[in-house]
C-alpha atoms as a PDB file:
ATOM      1  CA  MET A   1       2.887  -3.093  12.243  1.00  0.00           C
ATOM      2  CA  ASN A   2       2.473   0.672  12.313  1.00  0.00           C
ATOM      3  CA  GLN A   3      -0.488   2.098  14.221  1.00  0.00           C
ATOM      4  CA  ASP A   4      -1.316   4.526  11.389  1.00  0.00           C
ATOM      5  CA  VAL A   5      -1.890   1.588   9.092  1.00  0.00           C
ATOM      6  CA  MET A   6      -4.035  -0.202  11.655  1.00  0.00           C
ATOM      7  CA  ALA A   7      -6.142   2.953  12.070  1.00  0.00           C
ATOM      8  CA  ALA A   8      -6.531   3.152   8.296  1.00  0.00           C
ATOM      9  CA  LEU A   9      -7.628  -0.468   8.050  1.00  0.00           C
ATOM     10  CA  LYS A  10     -10.275   0.029  10.749  1.00  0.00           C
ATOM     11  CA  GLN A  11     -12.055   2.495   8.464  1.00  0.00           C
ATOM     12  CA  PHE A  12     -12.876  -0.217   5.917  1.00  0.00           C
ATOM     13  CA  LYS A  13     -16.519  -1.135   6.196  1.00  0.00           C
ATOM     14  CA  ARG A  14     -16.632  -3.458   3.200  1.00  0.00           C
ATOM     15  CA  LEU A  15     -15.510  -7.059   3.228  1.00  0.00           C
ATOM     16  CA  GLU A  16     -14.385  -6.667  -0.400  1.00  0.00           C
ATOM     17  CA  ASP A  17     -11.647  -4.228   0.706  1.00  0.00           C
ATOM     18  CA  TYR A  18     -10.113  -6.868   2.948  1.00  0.00           C
ATOM     19  CA  ARG A  19     -10.538  -9.584   0.330  1.00  0.00           C
ATOM     20  CA  VAL A  20      -8.737  -7.479  -2.287  1.00  0.00           C
ATOM     21  CA  LEU A  21      -6.011  -6.522   0.201  1.00  0.00           C
ATOM     22  CA  PHE A  22      -5.337 -10.186   0.959  1.00  0.00           C
ATOM     23  CA  ALA A  23      -5.345 -11.031  -2.762  1.00  0.00           C
ATOM     24  CA  LEU A  24      -2.717  -8.317  -3.257  1.00  0.00           C
ATOM     25  CA  LEU A  25      -0.716  -9.609  -0.289  1.00  0.00           C
ATOM     26  CA  GLU A  26      -0.687 -13.064  -1.892  1.00  0.00           C
ATOM     27  CA  ARG A  27       1.164 -11.483  -4.807  1.00  0.00           C
ATOM     28  CA  LEU A  28       3.649  -9.592  -2.631  1.00  0.00           C
ATOM     29  CA  ASP A  29       7.115  -9.712  -4.129  1.00  0.00           C
ATOM     30  CA  PHE A  30      10.575  -8.715  -2.899  1.00  0.00           C
ATOM     31  CA  GLU A  31      10.851  -5.058  -1.731  1.00  0.00           C
ATOM     32  CA  ASN A  32       7.040  -4.959  -1.348  1.00  0.00           C
ATOM     33  CA  PHE A  33       6.242  -4.733  -5.058  1.00  0.00           C
ATOM     34  CA  ILE A  34       2.936  -6.120  -6.280  1.00  0.00           C
ATOM     35  CA  ASN A  35       2.228  -6.730  -9.951  1.00  0.00           C
ATOM     36  CA  ALA A  36      -1.413  -7.734 -10.178  1.00  0.00           C
ATOM     37  CA  SER A  37      -4.058  -7.794 -12.854  1.00  0.00           C
ATOM     38  CA  GLN A  38      -7.358  -6.491 -11.546  1.00  0.00           C
ATOM     39  CA  ALA A  39      -9.089  -8.942 -13.901  1.00  0.00           C
ATOM     40  CA  ASP A  40      -7.199 -11.874 -12.342  1.00  0.00           C
ATOM     41  CA  ILE A  41      -8.083 -10.699  -8.831  1.00  0.00           C
ATOM     42  CA  ALA A  42     -11.728 -10.250  -9.859  1.00  0.00           C
ATOM     43  CA  ASN A  43     -11.862 -13.795 -11.284  1.00  0.00           C
ATOM     44  CA  GLU A  44     -10.131 -15.285  -8.241  1.00  0.00           C
ATOM     45  CA  LEU A  45     -12.461 -13.527  -5.786  1.00  0.00           C
ATOM     46  CA  GLU A  46     -15.561 -13.925  -7.972  1.00  0.00           C
ATOM     47  CA  MET A  47     -16.058 -10.152  -7.977  1.00  0.00           C
ATOM     48  CA  ASP A  48     -16.594  -7.732 -10.815  1.00  0.00           C
ATOM     49  CA  ARG A  49     -13.595  -5.713 -11.993  1.00  0.00           C
ATOM     50  CA  ALA A  50     -15.244  -2.431 -10.981  1.00  0.00           C
ATOM     51  CA  GLY A  51     -15.548  -3.687  -7.385  1.00  0.00           C
ATOM     52  CA  VAL A  52     -11.870  -4.663  -7.340  1.00  0.00           C
ATOM     53  CA  ASN A  53     -10.935  -1.272  -8.782  1.00  0.00           C
ATOM     54  CA  ARG A  54     -12.970   0.578  -6.122  1.00  0.00           C
ATOM     55  CA  ALA A  55     -11.448  -1.530  -3.336  1.00  0.00           C
ATOM     56  CA  ILE A  56      -7.916  -0.834  -4.595  1.00  0.00           C
ATOM     57  CA  LYS A  57      -8.680   2.894  -4.751  1.00  0.00           C
ATOM     58  CA  ARG A  58      -9.838   2.786  -1.115  1.00  0.00           C
ATOM     59  CA  LEU A  59      -6.646   0.904  -0.151  1.00  0.00           C
ATOM     60  CA  ILE A  60      -4.605   3.623  -1.862  1.00  0.00           C
ATOM     61  CA  VAL A  61      -6.519   6.448  -0.157  1.00  0.00           C
ATOM     62  CA  ALA A  62      -5.984   4.713   3.197  1.00  0.00           C
ATOM     63  CA  GLU A  63      -2.274   4.443   2.308  1.00  0.00           C
ATOM     64  CA  ALA A  64      -2.217   0.692   2.899  1.00  0.00           C
ATOM     65  CA  VAL A  65      -1.137   0.315  -0.727  1.00  0.00           C
ATOM     66  CA  ILE A  66       0.885   2.750  -2.843  1.00  0.00           C
ATOM     67  CA  GLU A  67       0.171   2.988  -6.567  1.00  0.00           C
ATOM     68  CA  GLY A  68       3.100   2.417  -8.882  1.00  0.00           C
ATOM     69  CA  PRO A  69       3.716   2.662 -12.613  1.00  0.00           C
ATOM     70  CA  LYS A  70       2.046   0.575 -15.291  1.00  0.00           C
ATOM     71  CA  VAL A  71       3.849  -2.538 -16.499  1.00  0.00           C
ATOM     72  CA  GLY A  72       2.293  -3.523 -19.799  1.00  0.00           C
ATOM     73  CA  ILE A  73      -1.442  -3.228 -19.288  1.00  0.00           C
ATOM     74  CA  ASN A  74      -1.315  -3.826 -15.531  1.00  0.00           C
ATOM     75  CA  ARG A  75      -0.903  -1.247 -12.817  1.00  0.00           C
ATOM     76  CA  THR A  76       1.717  -2.068 -10.187  1.00  0.00           C
ATOM     77  CA  TYR A  77       1.404  -1.424  -6.473  1.00  0.00           C
ATOM     78  CA  ARG A  78       3.590  -1.466  -3.417  1.00  0.00           C
ATOM     79  CA  LEU A  79       2.553  -2.441   0.081  1.00  0.00           C
ATOM     80  CA  ASN A  80       3.037   0.413   2.530  1.00  0.00           C
ATOM     81  CA  PRO A  81       6.398  -0.372   4.187  1.00  0.00           C
ATOM     82  CA  ASN A  82       4.911   0.526   7.574  1.00  0.00           C
ATOM     83  CA  PHE A  83       2.364  -2.272   7.161  1.00  0.00           C
ATOM     84  CA  GLY A  84       4.870  -5.015   6.511  1.00  0.00           C
ATOM     85  CA  TRP A  85       8.011  -5.739   4.540  1.00  0.00           C
ATOM     86  CA  LYS A  86       9.386  -8.477   2.317  1.00  0.00           C
ATOM     87  CA  GLY A  87      13.003  -7.736   1.534  1.00  0.00           C
ATOM     88  CA  SER A  88      16.256  -6.533   3.022  1.00  0.00           C
ATOM     89  CA  VAL A  89      16.392  -4.598   6.285  1.00  0.00           C
ATOM     90  CA  GLY A  90      18.444  -1.795   4.740  1.00  0.00           C
ATOM     91  CA  ASN A  91      15.908  -1.245   1.976  1.00  0.00           C
ATOM     92  CA  HIS A  92      13.070  -1.364   4.509  1.00  0.00           C
ATOM     93  CA  LYS A  93      14.670   1.443   6.514  1.00  0.00           C
ATOM     94  CA  LYS A  94      15.157   3.452   3.316  1.00  0.00           C
ATOM     95  CA  ALA A  95      11.539   2.878   2.195  1.00  0.00           C
ATOM     96  CA  VAL A  96      10.164   3.957   5.597  1.00  0.00           C
ATOM     97  CA  SER A  97      12.419   7.036   5.577  1.00  0.00           C
ATOM     98  CA  ASP A  98      11.380   7.943   2.018  1.00  0.00           C
ATOM     99  CA  GLN A  99       7.714   7.563   2.902  1.00  0.00           C
ATOM    100  CA  MET A 100       8.125   9.758   5.995  1.00  0.00           C
ATOM    101  CA  ARG A 101       9.861  12.398   3.888  1.00  0.00           C
ATOM    102  CA  GLN A 102       6.991  12.325   1.359  1.00  0.00           C
ATOM    103  CA  ARG A 103       4.424  12.697   4.145  1.00  0.00           C
ATOM    104  CA  MET A 104       6.384  15.639   5.598  1.00  0.00           C
ATOM    105  CA  ASP A 105       6.560  17.306   2.168  1.00  0.00           C
ATOM    106  CA  LYS A 106       2.834  16.786   1.673  1.00  0.00           C
ATOM    107  CA  ALA A 107       2.137  18.339   5.106  1.00  0.00           C
ATOM    108  CA  GLY A 108       4.507  21.255   4.459  1.00  0.00           C
ATOM    109  CA  ILE A 109       6.909  20.277   7.251  1.00  0.00           C
ATOM    110  CA  VAL A 110      10.421  21.474   6.417  1.00  0.00           C
ATOM    111  CA  GLY A 111      12.433  19.917   9.243  1.00  0.00           C
ATOM    112  CA  VAL A 112      12.379  17.942  12.430  1.00  0.00           C
ATOM    113  CA  VAL A 113      13.718  19.131  15.763  1.00  0.00           C
ATOM    114  CA  GLU A 114      15.692  16.465  17.594  1.00  0.00           C
ATOM    115  CA  ASN A 115      16.761  16.590  21.257  1.00  0.00           C
ATOM    116  CA  GLY A 116      15.348  20.101  21.640  1.00  0.00           C
ATOM    117  CA  ARG A 117      17.752  21.616  19.105  1.00  0.00           C
END
């Protein structure tokens, strides 16, 4: 498990964030995709939909979960590949590399120096 993810999870002060995270993890599919209805999660956890929505938004801001496209009326998500992985090793390496590249782009980093060169 990546230390960045652990640091992000430590910031959660609300039990509902962890409950929603574990409900999403229950639905984890191959290559870390999660197709989950917020209404279903709310019913399962006996929470209101607004609380589930807020918890998911906090998980996204903390980068524990990555928001994906809509499928029908449901939003899809993907577990941060640095947090854990369900799928092939080759695709895990690619997902981690893609995420690092996105973080570098977001930070304005144009390259990485390796071995002092």
